[in-house]
Protein backbone atom coordinates (compact mmCIF):
# COMPACT_ATOMS: atom_id res chain seq x y z
CA MET A 1 -7.09 -32.59 -17.82
CA TYR A 2 -5.20 -29.87 -19.67
CA LYS A 3 -6.04 -26.21 -19.17
CA ASN A 4 -4.66 -22.87 -20.39
CA ILE A 5 -3.61 -24.38 -23.73
CA GLU A 6 -5.32 -25.05 -27.05
CA LYS A 7 -6.23 -28.65 -27.84
CA GLN A 8 -6.10 -30.39 -31.19
CA VAL A 9 -3.70 -27.73 -32.52
CA LYS A 10 -0.06 -28.08 -33.51
CA LEU A 11 2.02 -25.80 -31.28
CA GLU A 12 5.41 -25.26 -29.69
CA LEU A 13 5.49 -25.27 -25.90
CA LYS A 14 8.09 -22.49 -25.75
CA ASP A 15 5.59 -20.17 -27.46
CA GLN A 16 2.98 -20.76 -24.76
CA VAL A 17 4.68 -18.61 -22.09
CA ASP A 18 6.12 -15.12 -22.53
CA TYR A 19 9.12 -13.43 -20.97
CA LEU A 20 8.58 -10.50 -18.63
CA ASP A 21 11.47 -8.24 -17.62
CA GLY A 22 12.73 -9.01 -14.11
CA GLN A 23 10.30 -11.88 -13.53
CA VAL A 24 9.71 -15.59 -13.50
CA VAL A 25 6.46 -16.37 -15.31
CA SER A 26 4.56 -19.63 -14.91
CA LYS A 27 1.63 -21.16 -16.77
CA THR A 28 -0.01 -24.28 -15.32
CA LEU A 29 -1.18 -26.84 -17.87
CA VAL A 30 -2.13 -29.73 -15.55
CA GLN A 31 -2.64 -29.91 -11.79
CA ASN A 32 -4.05 -32.89 -9.92
CA ASN A 33 -3.11 -35.38 -7.17
CA LEU A 34 -0.86 -37.42 -9.49
CA VAL A 35 0.91 -34.90 -11.71
CA SER A 36 1.46 -31.22 -12.33
CA MET A 37 2.78 -29.72 -15.55
CA THR A 38 3.87 -26.10 -15.73
CA LEU A 39 5.69 -23.94 -18.26
CA PHE A 40 8.10 -21.31 -16.97
CA SER A 41 10.01 -18.39 -18.41
CA PHE A 42 12.92 -16.83 -16.51
CA ASP A 43 14.39 -13.45 -17.26
CA LYS A 44 18.19 -13.39 -17.03
CA GLY A 45 19.25 -13.37 -13.38
CA GLU A 46 15.85 -14.42 -12.02
CA GLU A 47 15.49 -17.52 -9.87
CA ILE A 48 13.34 -19.84 -7.85
CA SER A 49 15.12 -20.20 -4.53
CA THR A 50 15.98 -23.48 -2.85
CA HIS A 51 12.98 -25.67 -2.03
CA ALA A 52 12.01 -29.35 -2.04
CA SER A 53 9.21 -30.95 -4.02
CA GLY A 54 6.62 -33.48 -2.88
CA GLY A 55 7.28 -35.55 -6.00
CA ASP A 56 9.98 -36.24 -8.56
CA ALA A 57 10.40 -33.10 -10.70
CA MET A 58 11.45 -33.44 -14.34
CA VAL A 59 12.55 -30.27 -16.14
CA THR A 60 13.16 -29.89 -19.85
CA VAL A 61 14.67 -26.68 -21.17
CA LEU A 62 12.68 -25.39 -24.13
CA GLU A 63 14.82 -22.34 -24.95
CA GLY A 64 17.96 -20.67 -23.59
CA LYS A 65 20.10 -21.87 -20.69
CA GLY A 66 19.36 -22.44 -17.01
CA ARG A 67 21.30 -23.44 -13.91
CA PHE A 68 19.82 -26.11 -11.68
CA THR A 69 21.25 -26.80 -8.24
CA VAL A 70 20.20 -30.14 -6.75
CA ALA A 71 21.57 -30.73 -3.25
CA ASP A 72 25.24 -29.79 -3.78
CA GLU A 73 25.40 -30.52 -7.52
CA VAL A 74 25.09 -27.86 -10.22
CA PHE A 75 23.76 -28.64 -13.70
CA PHE A 76 23.66 -26.29 -16.70
CA LEU A 77 20.91 -27.26 -19.12
CA GLU A 78 20.27 -25.96 -22.63
CA GLU A 79 17.44 -26.39 -25.09
CA GLY A 80 16.33 -29.99 -25.37
CA GLU A 81 18.11 -31.20 -22.22
CA THR A 82 16.27 -32.78 -19.29
CA LEU A 83 17.02 -33.30 -15.60
CA ILE A 84 15.06 -35.17 -12.94
CA MET A 85 15.25 -33.70 -9.44
CA PRO A 86 14.28 -36.36 -6.86
CA LYS A 87 11.43 -35.93 -4.39
CA GLY A 88 12.44 -34.29 -1.13
CA ILE A 89 15.92 -33.18 -2.31
CA PRO A 90 16.44 -29.38 -2.09
CA HIS A 91 16.86 -27.71 -5.46
CA ALA A 92 16.92 -24.24 -7.03
CA VAL A 93 16.64 -22.81 -10.55
CA TYR A 94 18.47 -19.76 -11.93
CA GLY A 95 18.32 -17.99 -15.29
CA GLU A 96 21.88 -17.91 -16.63
CA GLU A 97 20.23 -16.12 -19.54
CA ARG A 98 16.59 -15.80 -20.49
CA PHE A 99 15.22 -19.31 -20.69
CA LYS A 100 12.03 -21.34 -20.79
CA MET A 101 11.37 -24.76 -19.31
CA GLN A 102 8.67 -27.35 -18.87
CA LEU A 103 8.28 -28.80 -15.38
CA VAL A 104 6.49 -32.10 -14.80
CA VAL A 105 6.12 -33.25 -11.19
CA SER A 106 4.83 -36.77 -10.55
CA PHE A 107 3.53 -37.48 -7.05
């Protein structure tokens, strides 16, 4: 079930999370045993350090540009681009500039 977001309303996901100077901001939309969906905003230079997920993690950049490191590979994603980071593989996310993304993890 969705939370923290209006239902039956036309909206843009990138408008559902704000930037904060010097921070990574997250807004959870769905969280259960099968899937989690979260919106993030990254200020330029902010990051989520290397970690591994308990499920496959799909990110879609909604605005700006981010750097995603998966194992030893580096990917630069811009608005509209998507990357799937496999379960159990270490990955990190860095704000090359201010950017927003949607994260969907399926367990």
